[in-house]
PDB file of N, CA and C in Angstrom:
ATOM      1  N   MET A   1       0.843  -1.185   0.000  1.00  0.00           N
ATOM      2  CA  MET A   1       0.000   0.000   0.000  1.00  0.00           C
ATOM      3  C   MET A   1       0.884   1.243   0.000  1.00  0.00           C
ATOM      4  N   SER A   2       0.423   2.257  -0.689  1.00  0.00           N
ATOM      5  CA  SER A   2       1.188   3.498  -0.783  1.00  0.00           C
ATOM      6  C   SER A   2       1.127   4.265   0.538  1.00  0.00           C
ATOM      7  N   ASN A   3       2.068   5.178   0.724  1.00  0.00           N
ATOM      8  CA  ASN A   3       2.066   6.023   1.914  1.00  0.00           C
ATOM      9  C   ASN A   3       0.948   7.042   1.796  1.00  0.00           C
ATOM     10  N   LEU A   4       0.194   7.193   2.861  1.00  0.00           N
ATOM     11  CA  LEU A   4      -0.930   8.123   2.860  1.00  0.00           C
ATOM     12  C   LEU A   4      -0.495   9.475   3.399  1.00  0.00           C
ATOM     13  N   THR A   5      -1.058  10.523   2.825  1.00  0.00           N
ATOM     14  CA  THR A   5      -0.851  11.850   3.392  1.00  0.00           C
ATOM     15  C   THR A   5      -1.738  11.966   4.628  1.00  0.00           C
ATOM     16  N   ALA A   6      -1.500  12.966   5.445  1.00  0.00           N
ATOM     17  CA  ALA A   6      -2.315  13.179   6.643  1.00  0.00           C
ATOM     18  C   ALA A   6      -3.775  13.413   6.265  1.00  0.00           C
ATOM     19  N   GLU A   7      -3.995  14.146   5.186  1.00  0.00           N
ATOM     20  CA  GLU A   7      -5.363  14.426   4.736  1.00  0.00           C
ATOM     21  C   GLU A   7      -6.066  13.146   4.273  1.00  0.00           C
ATOM     22  N   GLN A   8      -5.360  12.318   3.501  1.00  0.00           N
ATOM     23  CA  GLN A   8      -5.937  11.050   3.049  1.00  0.00           C
ATOM     24  C   GLN A   8      -6.258  10.154   4.239  1.00  0.00           C
ATOM     25  N   PHE A   9      -5.337  10.095   5.191  1.00  0.00           N
ATOM     26  CA  PHE A   9      -5.554   9.263   6.371  1.00  0.00           C
ATOM     27  C   PHE A   9      -6.787   9.724   7.138  1.00  0.00           C
ATOM     28  N   LYS A  10      -6.960  11.034   7.282  1.00  0.00           N
ATOM     29  CA  LYS A  10      -8.128  11.567   7.997  1.00  0.00           C
ATOM     30  C   LYS A  10      -9.420  11.220   7.261  1.00  0.00           C
ATOM     31  N   LEU A  11      -9.442  11.385   5.946  1.00  0.00           N
ATOM     32  CA  LEU A  11     -10.634  11.051   5.162  1.00  0.00           C
ATOM     33  C   LEU A  11     -10.996   9.578   5.312  1.00  0.00           C
ATOM     34  N   ILE A  12     -10.001   8.721   5.156  1.00  0.00           N
ATOM     35  CA  ILE A  12     -10.243   7.280   5.243  1.00  0.00           C
ATOM     36  C   ILE A  12     -10.660   6.895   6.655  1.00  0.00           C
ATOM     37  N   SER A  13     -10.019   7.467   7.653  1.00  0.00           N
ATOM     38  CA  SER A  13     -10.369   7.173   9.044  1.00  0.00           C
ATOM     39  C   SER A  13     -11.806   7.572   9.350  1.00  0.00           C
ATOM     40  N   ASN A  14     -12.224   8.732   8.860  1.00  0.00           N
ATOM     41  CA  ASN A  14     -13.606   9.168   9.087  1.00  0.00           C
ATOM     42  C   ASN A  14     -14.602   8.194   8.477  1.00  0.00           C
ATOM     43  N   VAL A  15     -14.334   7.730   7.276  1.00  0.00           N
ATOM     44  CA  VAL A  15     -15.240   6.793   6.611  1.00  0.00           C
ATOM     45  C   VAL A  15     -15.250   5.456   7.346  1.00  0.00           C
ATOM     46  N   MET A  16     -14.085   4.982   7.734  1.00  0.00           N
ATOM     47  CA  MET A  16     -13.989   3.654   8.333  1.00  0.00           C
ATOM     48  C   MET A  16     -14.441   3.612   9.788  1.00  0.00           C
ATOM     49  N   TYR A  17     -14.143   4.631  10.560  1.00  0.00           N
ATOM     50  CA  TYR A  17     -14.362   4.569  12.002  1.00  0.00           C
ATOM     51  C   TYR A  17     -15.467   5.476  12.520  1.00  0.00           C
ATOM     52  N   GLU A  18     -16.100   6.266  11.648  1.00  0.00           N
ATOM     53  CA  GLU A  18     -17.164   7.166  12.095  1.00  0.00           C
ATOM     54  C   GLU A  18     -18.418   7.031  11.228  1.00  0.00           C
ATOM     55  N   PRO A  19     -19.011   5.829  11.182  1.00  0.00           N
ATOM     56  CA  PRO A  19     -20.207   5.651  10.350  1.00  0.00           C
ATOM     57  C   PRO A  19     -21.392   6.497  10.812  1.00  0.00           C
ATOM     58  N   LEU A  20     -21.376   6.922  12.059  1.00  0.00           N
ATOM     59  CA  LEU A  20     -22.451   7.779  12.552  1.00  0.00           C
ATOM     60  C   LEU A  20     -22.526   9.085  11.768  1.00  0.00           C
ATOM     61  N   SER A  21     -21.399   9.540  11.236  1.00  0.00           N
ATOM     62  CA  SER A  21     -21.371  10.817  10.516  1.00  0.00           C
ATOM     63  C   SER A  21     -22.052  10.745   9.160  1.00  0.00           C
ATOM     64  N   TYR A  22     -22.284   9.534   8.636  1.00  0.00           N
ATOM     65  CA  TYR A  22     -22.897   9.435   7.309  1.00  0.00           C
ATOM     66  C   TYR A  22     -24.055   8.450   7.216  1.00  0.00           C
ATOM     67  N   ILE A  23     -24.446   7.825   8.313  1.00  0.00           N
ATOM     68  CA  ILE A  23     -25.558   6.873   8.248  1.00  0.00           C
ATOM     69  C   ILE A  23     -26.859   7.623   7.970  1.00  0.00           C
ATOM     70  N   HIS A  24     -27.746   7.000   7.217  1.00  0.00           N
ATOM     71  CA  HIS A  24     -29.015   7.636   6.853  1.00  0.00           C
ATOM     72  C   HIS A  24     -29.878   7.845   8.092  1.00  0.00           C
ATOM     73  N   SER A  25     -30.609   8.915   8.106  1.00  0.00           N
ATOM     74  CA  SER A  25     -31.418   9.280   9.274  1.00  0.00           C
ATOM     75  C   SER A  25     -32.556   8.301   9.554  1.00  0.00           C
ATOM     76  N   ASP A  26     -32.894   7.434   8.614  1.00  0.00           N
ATOM     77  CA  ASP A  26     -33.942   6.440   8.845  1.00  0.00           C
ATOM     78  C   ASP A  26     -33.491   5.323   9.787  1.00  0.00           C
ATOM     79  N   TYR A  27     -32.194   5.163   9.985  1.00  0.00           N
ATOM     80  CA  TYR A  27     -31.678   4.106  10.851  1.00  0.00           C
ATOM     81  C   TYR A  27     -31.708   4.552  12.303  1.00  0.00           C
ATOM     82  N   ASP A  28     -32.073   3.612  13.180  1.00  0.00           N
ATOM     83  CA  ASP A  28     -32.025   3.886  14.612  1.00  0.00           C
ATOM     84  C   ASP A  28     -30.585   3.768  15.087  1.00  0.00           C
ATOM     85  N   VAL A  29     -30.103   4.778  15.758  1.00  0.00           N
ATOM     86  CA  VAL A  29     -28.734   4.772  16.278  1.00  0.00           C
ATOM     87  C   VAL A  29     -28.753   5.185  17.744  1.00  0.00           C
ATOM     88  N   LEU A  30     -27.672   4.879  18.436  1.00  0.00           N
ATOM     89  CA  LEU A  30     -27.589   5.174  19.865  1.00  0.00           C
ATOM     90  C   LEU A  30     -27.399   6.651  20.165  1.00  0.00           C
ATOM     91  N   ALA A  31     -26.850   7.384  19.211  1.00  0.00           N
ATOM     92  CA  ALA A  31     -26.579   8.811  19.414  1.00  0.00           C
ATOM     93  C   ALA A  31     -26.607   9.510  18.068  1.00  0.00           C
ATOM     94  N   SER A  32     -26.722  10.807  18.116  1.00  0.00           N
ATOM     95  CA  SER A  32     -26.656  11.593  16.884  1.00  0.00           C
ATOM     96  C   SER A  32     -25.279  12.249  16.802  1.00  0.00           C
ATOM     97  N   PRO A  33     -24.896  12.694  15.608  1.00  0.00           N
ATOM     98  CA  PRO A  33     -23.595  13.368  15.475  1.00  0.00           C
ATOM     99  C   PRO A  33     -23.487  14.651  16.301  1.00  0.00           C
ATOM    100  N   GLU A  34     -24.613  15.180  16.757  1.00  0.00           N
ATOM    101  CA  GLU A  34     -24.600  16.415  17.543  1.00  0.00           C
ATOM    102  C   GLU A  34     -24.398  16.154  19.032  1.00  0.00           C
ATOM    103  N   GLU A  35     -24.472  14.901  19.454  1.00  0.00           N
ATOM    104  CA  GLU A  35     -24.395  14.589  20.883  1.00  0.00           C
ATOM    105  C   GLU A  35     -22.955  14.552  21.380  1.00  0.00           C
ATOM    106  N   ASN A  36     -22.825  14.321  22.661  1.00  0.00           N
ATOM    107  CA  ASN A  36     -21.538  14.234  23.328  1.00  0.00           C
ATOM    108  C   ASN A  36     -20.610  13.263  22.606  1.00  0.00           C
ATOM    109  N   THR A  37     -19.322  13.592  22.567  1.00  0.00           N
ATOM    110  CA  THR A  37     -18.323  12.777  21.869  1.00  0.00           C
ATOM    111  C   THR A  37     -18.310  11.338  22.367  1.00  0.00           C
ATOM    112  N   LEU A  38     -18.478  11.133  23.659  1.00  0.00           N
ATOM    113  CA  LEU A  38     -18.486   9.775  24.208  1.00  0.00           C
ATOM    114  C   LEU A  38     -19.623   8.958  23.610  1.00  0.00           C
ATOM    115  N   TRP A  39     -20.819   9.540  23.519  1.00  0.00           N
ATOM    116  CA  TRP A  39     -21.959   8.832  22.929  1.00  0.00           C
ATOM    117  C   TRP A  39     -21.735   8.565  21.446  1.00  0.00           C
ATOM    118  N   GLN A  40     -21.089   9.498  20.765  1.00  0.00           N
ATOM    119  CA  GLN A  40     -20.770   9.280  19.350  1.00  0.00           C
ATOM    120  C   GLN A  40     -19.824   8.093  19.186  1.00  0.00           C
ATOM    121  N   LYS A  41     -18.811   8.001  20.042  1.00  0.00           N
ATOM    122  CA  LYS A  41     -17.868   6.882  19.969  1.00  0.00           C
ATOM    123  C   LYS A  41     -18.569   5.554  20.234  1.00  0.00           C
ATOM    124  N   ILE A  42     -19.455   5.537  21.214  1.00  0.00           N
ATOM    125  CA  ILE A  42     -20.209   4.315  21.516  1.00  0.00           C
ATOM    126  C   ILE A  42     -21.087   3.939  20.329  1.00  0.00           C
ATOM    127  N   ALA A  43     -21.768   4.923  19.754  1.00  0.00           N
ATOM    128  CA  ALA A  43     -22.640   4.658  18.599  1.00  0.00           C
ATOM    129  C   ALA A  43     -21.827   4.171  17.403  1.00  0.00           C
ATOM    130  N   ASN A  44     -20.665   4.780  17.151  1.00  0.00           N
ATOM    131  CA  ASN A  44     -19.812   4.337  16.044  1.00  0.00           C
ATOM    132  C   ASN A  44     -19.369   2.896  16.244  1.00  0.00           C
ATOM    133  N   ARG A  45     -18.949   2.552  17.458  1.00  0.00           N
ATOM    134  CA  ARG A  45     -18.527   1.184  17.751  1.00  0.00           C
ATOM    135  C   ARG A  45     -19.677   0.196  17.528  1.00  0.00           C
ATOM    136  N   HIS A  46     -20.856   0.590  17.966  1.00  0.00           N
ATOM    137  CA  HIS A  46     -22.031  -0.263  17.790  1.00  0.00           C
ATOM    138  C   HIS A  46     -22.338  -0.473  16.307  1.00  0.00           C
ATOM    139  N   LEU A  47     -22.314   0.599  15.522  1.00  0.00           N
ATOM    140  CA  LEU A  47     -22.584   0.487  14.083  1.00  0.00           C
ATOM    141  C   LEU A  47     -21.540  -0.387  13.384  1.00  0.00           C
ATOM    142  N   ILE A  48     -20.280  -0.212  13.743  1.00  0.00           N
ATOM    143  CA  ILE A  48     -19.208  -1.021  13.143  1.00  0.00           C
ATOM    144  C   ILE A  48     -19.445  -2.494  13.436  1.00  0.00           C
ATOM    145  N   GLY A  49     -19.817  -2.813  14.672  1.00  0.00           N
ATOM    146  CA  GLY A  49     -20.096  -4.201  15.037  1.00  0.00           C
ATOM    147  C   GLY A  49     -21.365  -4.735  14.400  1.00  0.00           C
ATOM    148  N   GLN A  50     -22.424  -3.946  14.434  1.00  0.00           N
ATOM    149  CA  GLN A  50     -23.714  -4.380  13.902  1.00  0.00           C
ATOM    150  C   GLN A  50     -23.638  -4.688  12.417  1.00  0.00           C
ATOM    151  N   TYR A  51     -22.953  -3.858  11.661  1.00  0.00           N
ATOM    152  CA  TYR A  51     -22.880  -4.040  10.209  1.00  0.00           C
ATOM    153  C   TYR A  51     -21.564  -4.678   9.755  1.00  0.00           C
ATOM    154  N   GLN A  52     -20.762  -5.128  10.717  1.00  0.00           N
ATOM    155  CA  GLN A  52     -19.492  -5.813  10.450  1.00  0.00           C
ATOM    156  C   GLN A  52     -18.644  -5.037   9.434  1.00  0.00           C
ATOM    157  N   LEU A  53     -18.480  -3.762   9.705  1.00  0.00           N
ATOM    158  CA  LEU A  53     -17.703  -2.907   8.814  1.00  0.00           C
ATOM    159  C   LEU A  53     -16.220  -3.262   8.893  1.00  0.00           C
ATOM    160  N   ILE A  54     -15.552  -3.174   7.783  1.00  0.00           N
ATOM    161  CA  ILE A  54     -14.133  -3.508   7.698  1.00  0.00           C
ATOM    162  C   ILE A  54     -13.315  -2.430   8.405  1.00  0.00           C
ATOM    163  N   LEU A  55     -12.354  -2.860   9.209  1.00  0.00           N
ATOM    164  CA  LEU A  55     -11.550  -1.918   9.982  1.00  0.00           C
ATOM    165  C   LEU A  55     -10.098  -1.850   9.526  1.00  0.00           C
ATOM    166  N   HIS A  56      -9.821  -2.318   8.333  1.00  0.00           N
ATOM    167  CA  HIS A  56      -8.465  -2.199   7.799  1.00  0.00           C
ATOM    168  C   HIS A  56      -8.555  -1.866   6.312  1.00  0.00           C
ATOM    169  N   ILE A  57      -7.548  -1.221   5.822  1.00  0.00           N
ATOM    170  CA  ILE A  57      -7.514  -0.848   4.407  1.00  0.00           C
ATOM    171  C   ILE A  57      -7.064  -2.071   3.618  1.00  0.00           C
ATOM    172  N   ASP A  58      -7.932  -2.557   2.755  1.00  0.00           N
ATOM    173  CA  ASP A  58      -7.639  -3.792   2.020  1.00  0.00           C
ATOM    174  C   ASP A  58      -7.509  -3.560   0.517  1.00  0.00           C
ATOM    175  N   CYS A  59      -7.147  -2.335   0.144  1.00  0.00           N
ATOM    176  CA  CYS A  59      -6.969  -2.035  -1.275  1.00  0.00           C
ATOM    177  C   CYS A  59      -5.904  -0.958  -1.436  1.00  0.00           C
ATOM    178  N   GLU A  60      -5.403  -0.852  -2.641  1.00  0.00           N
ATOM    179  CA  GLU A  60      -4.468   0.227  -2.949  1.00  0.00           C
ATOM    180  C   GLU A  60      -5.235   1.551  -2.991  1.00  0.00           C
ATOM    181  N   ILE A  61      -4.627   2.588  -2.513  1.00  0.00           N
ATOM    182  CA  ILE A  61      -5.257   3.909  -2.537  1.00  0.00           C
ATOM    183  C   ILE A  61      -4.802   4.611  -3.813  1.00  0.00           C
ATOM    184  N   ASP A  62      -5.543   4.371  -4.889  1.00  0.00           N
ATOM    185  CA  ASP A  62      -5.233   5.044  -6.149  1.00  0.00           C
ATOM    186  C   ASP A  62      -6.121   6.279  -6.269  1.00  0.00           C
ATOM    187  N   THR A  63      -6.084   6.945  -7.397  1.00  0.00           N
ATOM    188  CA  THR A  63      -6.849   8.193  -7.537  1.00  0.00           C
ATOM    189  C   THR A  63      -8.349   7.956  -7.462  1.00  0.00           C
ATOM    190  N   THR A  64      -8.823   6.824  -7.973  1.00  0.00           N
ATOM    191  CA  THR A  64     -10.260   6.527  -7.908  1.00  0.00           C
ATOM    192  C   THR A  64     -10.703   6.335  -6.468  1.00  0.00           C
ATOM    193  N   VAL A  65      -9.976   5.529  -5.719  1.00  0.00           N
ATOM    194  CA  VAL A  65     -10.312   5.286  -4.312  1.00  0.00           C
ATOM    195  C   VAL A  65     -10.233   6.585  -3.521  1.00  0.00           C
ATOM    196  N   GLU A  66      -9.234   7.383  -3.790  1.00  0.00           N
ATOM    197  CA  GLU A  66      -9.100   8.660  -3.096  1.00  0.00           C
ATOM    198  C   GLU A  66     -10.311   9.557  -3.361  1.00  0.00           C
ATOM    199  N   LYS A  67     -10.791   9.585  -4.601  1.00  0.00           N
ATOM    200  CA  LYS A  67     -11.968  10.403  -4.927  1.00  0.00           C
ATOM    201  C   LYS A  67     -13.211   9.880  -4.217  1.00  0.00           C
ATOM    202  N   ILE A  68     -13.343   8.560  -4.125  1.00  0.00           N
ATOM    203  CA  ILE A  68     -14.494   7.986  -3.415  1.00  0.00           C
ATOM    204  C   ILE A  68     -14.479   8.428  -1.957  1.00  0.00           C
ATOM    205  N   PHE A  69     -13.324   8.311  -1.305  1.00  0.00           N
ATOM    206  CA  PHE A  69     -13.227   8.740   0.088  1.00  0.00           C
ATOM    207  C   PHE A  69     -13.428  10.246   0.225  1.00  0.00           C
ATOM    208  N   THR A  70     -12.878  11.021  -0.687  1.00  0.00           N
ATOM    209  CA  THR A  70     -12.994  12.477  -0.631  1.00  0.00           C
ATOM    210  C   THR A  70     -14.446  12.928  -0.744  1.00  0.00           C
ATOM    211  N   HIS A  71     -15.211  12.259  -1.585  1.00  0.00           N
ATOM    212  CA  HIS A  71     -16.602  12.656  -1.829  1.00  0.00           C
ATOM    213  C   HIS A  71     -17.599  11.692  -1.189  1.00  0.00           C
ATOM    214  N   TRP A  72     -17.191  11.011  -0.143  1.00  0.00           N
ATOM    215  CA  TRP A  72     -18.009   9.990   0.510  1.00  0.00           C
ATOM    216  C   TRP A  72     -19.395  10.509   0.883  1.00  0.00           C
ATOM    217  N   HIS A  73     -19.459  11.711   1.430  1.00  0.00           N
ATOM    218  CA  HIS A  73     -20.735  12.246   1.912  1.00  0.00           C
ATOM    219  C   HIS A  73     -21.678  12.639   0.778  1.00  0.00           C
ATOM    220  N   THR A  74     -21.177  12.808  -0.423  1.00  0.00           N
ATOM    221  CA  THR A  74     -22.059  13.155  -1.541  1.00  0.00           C
ATOM    222  C   THR A  74     -22.499  11.930  -2.341  1.00  0.00           C
ATOM    223  N   LEU A  75     -21.938  10.758  -2.060  1.00  0.00           N
ATOM    224  CA  LEU A  75     -22.298   9.560  -2.833  1.00  0.00           C
ATOM    225  C   LEU A  75     -23.787   9.210  -2.744  1.00  0.00           C
ATOM    226  N   PRO A  76     -24.434   9.296  -1.570  1.00  0.00           N
ATOM    227  CA  PRO A  76     -25.875   9.009  -1.549  1.00  0.00           C
ATOM    228  C   PRO A  76     -26.680   9.952  -2.442  1.00  0.00           C
ATOM    229  N   ARG A  77     -26.305  11.227  -2.473  1.00  0.00           N
ATOM    230  CA  ARG A  77     -27.009  12.181  -3.336  1.00  0.00           C
ATOM    231  C   ARG A  77     -26.766  11.858  -4.801  1.00  0.00           C
ATOM    232  N   CYS A  78     -25.553  11.431  -5.123  1.00  0.00           N
ATOM    233  CA  CYS A  78     -25.245  11.039  -6.506  1.00  0.00           C
ATOM    234  C   CYS A  78     -26.073   9.823  -6.909  1.00  0.00           C
ATOM    235  N   ALA A  79     -26.182   8.854  -6.005  1.00  0.00           N
ATOM    236  CA  ALA A  79     -26.980   7.660  -6.297  1.00  0.00           C
ATOM    237  C   ALA A  79     -28.447   8.030  -6.499  1.00  0.00           C
ATOM    238  N   LEU A  80     -28.960   8.928  -5.670  1.00  0.00           N
ATOM    239  CA  LEU A  80     -30.339   9.384  -5.823  1.00  0.00           C
ATOM    240  C   LEU A  80     -30.521  10.087  -7.160  1.00  0.00           C
ATOM    241  N   PHE A  81     -29.586  10.952  -7.511  1.00  0.00           N
ATOM    242  CA  PHE A  81     -29.649  11.647  -8.792  1.00  0.00           C
ATOM    243  C   PHE A  81     -29.657  10.647  -9.942  1.00  0.00           C
ATOM    244  N   LEU A  82     -28.753   9.670  -9.906  1.00  0.00           N
ATOM    245  CA  LEU A  82     -28.699   8.675 -10.984  1.00  0.00           C
ATOM    246  C   LEU A  82     -29.982   7.859 -11.044  1.00  0.00           C
ATOM    247  N   GLY A  83     -30.558   7.560  -9.884  1.00  0.00           N
ATOM    248  CA  GLY A  83     -31.830   6.841  -9.865  1.00  0.00           C
ATOM    249  C   GLY A  83     -32.924   7.628 -10.560  1.00  0.00           C
ATOM    250  N   TYR A  84     -33.013   8.910 -10.271  1.00  0.00           N
ATOM    251  CA  TYR A  84     -34.003   9.748 -10.944  1.00  0.00           C
ATOM    252  C   TYR A  84     -33.681   9.918 -12.420  1.00  0.00           C
ATOM    253  N   PHE A  85     -32.418  10.019 -12.732  1.00  0.00           N
ATOM    254  CA  PHE A  85     -32.021  10.218 -14.123  1.00  0.00           C
ATOM    255  C   PHE A  85     -32.360   8.998 -14.976  1.00  0.00           C
ATOM    256  N   TYR A  86     -32.090   7.799 -14.460  1.00  0.00           N
ATOM    257  CA  TYR A  86     -32.293   6.584 -15.244  1.00  0.00           C
ATOM    258  C   TYR A  86     -33.651   5.924 -15.028  1.00  0.00           C
ATOM    259  N   SER A  87     -34.286   6.110 -13.879  1.00  0.00           N
ATOM    260  CA  SER A  87     -35.565   5.450 -13.596  1.00  0.00           C
ATOM    261  C   SER A  87     -36.532   6.391 -12.904  1.00  0.00           C
ATOM    262  N   ARG A  88     -36.576   7.618 -13.342  1.00  0.00           N
ATOM    263  CA  ARG A  88     -37.401   8.587 -12.627  1.00  0.00           C
ATOM    264  C   ARG A  88     -38.869   8.215 -12.611  1.00  0.00           C
ATOM    265  N   HIS A  89     -39.386   7.596 -13.688  1.00  0.00           N
ATOM    266  CA  HIS A  89     -40.804   7.231 -13.712  1.00  0.00           C
ATOM    267  C   HIS A  89     -41.119   6.214 -12.621  1.00  0.00           C
ATOM    268  N   THR A  90     -40.264   5.228 -12.459  1.00  0.00           N
ATOM    269  CA  THR A  90     -40.469   4.220 -11.420  1.00  0.00           C
ATOM    270  C   THR A  90     -40.390   4.842 -10.041  1.00  0.00           C
ATOM    271  N   LEU A  91     -39.362   5.637  -9.812  1.00  0.00           N
ATOM    272  CA  LEU A  91     -39.195   6.236  -8.496  1.00  0.00           C
ATOM    273  C   LEU A  91     -40.307   7.219  -8.168  1.00  0.00           C
ATOM    274  N   LEU A  92     -40.708   8.020  -9.133  1.00  0.00           N
ATOM    275  CA  LEU A  92     -41.774   8.991  -8.882  1.00  0.00           C
ATOM    276  C   LEU A  92     -43.123   8.310  -8.729  1.00  0.00           C
ATOM    277  N   ALA A  93     -43.375   7.266  -9.526  1.00  0.00           N
ATOM    278  CA  ALA A  93     -44.654   6.566  -9.452  1.00  0.00           C
ATOM    279  C   ALA A  93     -44.840   5.911  -8.092  1.00  0.00           C
ATOM    280  N   GLN A  94     -43.760   5.424  -7.512  1.00  0.00           N
ATOM    281  CA  GLN A  94     -43.864   4.750  -6.224  1.00  0.00           C
ATOM    282  C   GLN A  94     -43.536   5.680  -5.059  1.00  0.00           C
ATOM    283  N   ASN A  95     -43.306   6.947  -5.371  1.00  0.00           N
ATOM    284  CA  ASN A  95     -43.060   7.971  -4.357  1.00  0.00           C
ATOM    285  C   ASN A  95     -41.988   7.548  -3.350  1.00  0.00           C
ATOM    286  N   TYR A  96     -40.872   7.029  -3.857  1.00  0.00           N
ATOM    287  CA  TYR A  96     -39.805   6.569  -2.975  1.00  0.00           C
ATOM    288  C   TYR A  96     -39.127   7.710  -2.237  1.00  0.00           C
ATOM    289  N   TYR A  97     -38.972   8.831  -2.896  1.00  0.00           N
ATOM    290  CA  TYR A  97     -38.183   9.919  -2.324  1.00  0.00           C
ATOM    291  C   TYR A  97     -38.884  11.252  -2.533  1.00  0.00           C
ATOM    292  N   HIS A  98     -38.596  12.145  -1.657  1.00  0.00           N
ATOM    293  CA  HIS A  98     -38.984  13.538  -1.859  1.00  0.00           C
ATOM    294  C   HIS A  98     -37.712  14.265  -2.270  1.00  0.00           C
ATOM    295  N   LEU A  99     -37.776  14.940  -3.371  1.00  0.00           N
ATOM    296  CA  LEU A  99     -36.576  15.616  -3.865  1.00  0.00           C
ATOM    297  C   LEU A  99     -36.191  16.782  -2.972  1.00  0.00           C
ATOM    298  N   GLU A 100     -34.912  16.899  -2.712  1.00  0.00           N
ATOM    299  CA  GLU A 100     -34.419  18.059  -1.985  1.00  0.00           C
ATOM    300  C   GLU A 100     -34.269  19.212  -2.976  1.00  0.00           C
ATOM    301  N   PRO A 101     -34.253  20.438  -2.500  1.00  0.00           N
ATOM    302  CA  PRO A 101     -34.231  21.604  -3.396  1.00  0.00           C
ATOM    303  C   PRO A 101     -33.111  21.590  -4.434  1.00  0.00           C
ATOM    304  N   SER A 102     -31.917  21.140  -4.054  1.00  0.00           N
ATOM    305  CA  SER A 102     -30.819  21.156  -5.030  1.00  0.00           C
ATOM    306  C   SER A 102     -31.091  20.206  -6.188  1.00  0.00           C
ATOM    307  N   LEU A 103     -31.710  19.056  -5.909  1.00  0.00           N
ATOM    308  CA  LEU A 103     -32.041  18.131  -6.993  1.00  0.00           C
ATOM    309  C   LEU A 103     -33.213  18.655  -7.818  1.00  0.00           C
ATOM    310  N   LYS A 104     -34.167  19.319  -7.161  1.00  0.00           N
ATOM    311  CA  LYS A 104     -35.268  19.914  -7.916  1.00  0.00           C
ATOM    312  C   LYS A 104     -34.724  20.919  -8.919  1.00  0.00           C
ATOM    313  N   GLY A 105     -33.729  21.676  -8.498  1.00  0.00           N
ATOM    314  CA  GLY A 105     -33.114  22.648  -9.396  1.00  0.00           C
ATOM    315  C   GLY A 105     -32.461  21.986 -10.591  1.00  0.00           C
ATOM    316  N   ILE A 106     -31.788  20.870 -10.341  1.00  0.00           N
ATOM    317  CA  ILE A 106     -31.137  20.146 -11.438  1.00  0.00           C
ATOM    318  C   ILE A 106     -32.180  19.617 -12.410  1.00  0.00           C
ATOM    319  N   PHE A 107     -33.223  18.979 -11.873  1.00  0.00           N
ATOM    320  CA  PHE A 107     -34.214  18.371 -12.750  1.00  0.00           C
ATOM    321  C   PHE A 107     -35.086  19.391 -13.461  1.00  0.00           C
ATOM    322  N   SER A 108     -35.326  20.535 -12.831  1.00  0.00           N
ATOM    323  CA  SER A 108     -36.144  21.544 -13.496  1.00  0.00           C
ATOM    324  C   SER A 108     -35.417  22.137 -14.698  1.00  0.00           C
ATOM    325  N   SER A 109     -34.092  22.049 -14.690  1.00  0.00           N
ATOM    326  CA  SER A 109     -33.334  22.581 -15.825  1.00  0.00           C
ATOM    327  C   SER A 109     -33.294  21.610 -17.001  1.00  0.00           C
ATOM    328  N   LEU A 110     -33.684  20.365 -16.769  1.00  0.00           N
ATOM    329  CA  LEU A 110     -33.714  19.382 -17.851  1.00  0.00           C
ATOM    330  C   LEU A 110     -35.059  19.462 -18.551  1.00  0.00           C
ATOM    331  N   SER A 111     -35.068  19.546 -19.853  1.00  0.00           N
ATOM    332  CA  SER A 111     -36.309  19.780 -20.601  1.00  0.00           C
ATOM    333  C   SER A 111     -37.286  18.614 -20.518  1.00  0.00           C
ATOM    334  N   TYR A 112     -36.824  17.395 -20.310  1.00  0.00           N
ATOM    335  CA  TYR A 112     -37.726  16.250 -20.331  1.00  0.00           C
ATOM    336  C   TYR A 112     -38.260  15.891 -18.955  1.00  0.00           C
ATOM    337  N   VAL A 113     -37.904  16.627 -17.919  1.00  0.00           N
ATOM    338  CA  VAL A 113     -38.404  16.369 -16.575  1.00  0.00           C
ATOM    339  C   VAL A 113     -39.422  17.433 -16.234  1.00  0.00           C
ATOM    340  N   LYS A 114     -40.576  17.000 -15.771  1.00  0.00           N
ATOM    341  CA  LYS A 114     -41.626  17.965 -15.422  1.00  0.00           C
ATOM    342  C   LYS A 114     -41.674  18.197 -13.946  1.00  0.00           C
TER     343      LYS A 114
END
């Protein structure tokens, strides 16, 4: 594995050891990211155990992996956008999601989205 910069290490550490910072709000958790640091640590440990999250880096950190870690918090929004882009009729018909304002702005600018 290549040597990590301090910034890369921090990004990867946040993704690997702080799932509370990015878990979806629909999940029940022991604490919120706004609570006391001790409760956050307990909640992170619980989430890591519950979902058996990997606690070691098992891949080379190339530019693609670095970008994934760098933009980790925007990946759910990207997935939602791609879902609407490729299957918007299905998603809208079943009312899976309520669009947030930034996505409404994107879709309103596309001529084929009403």
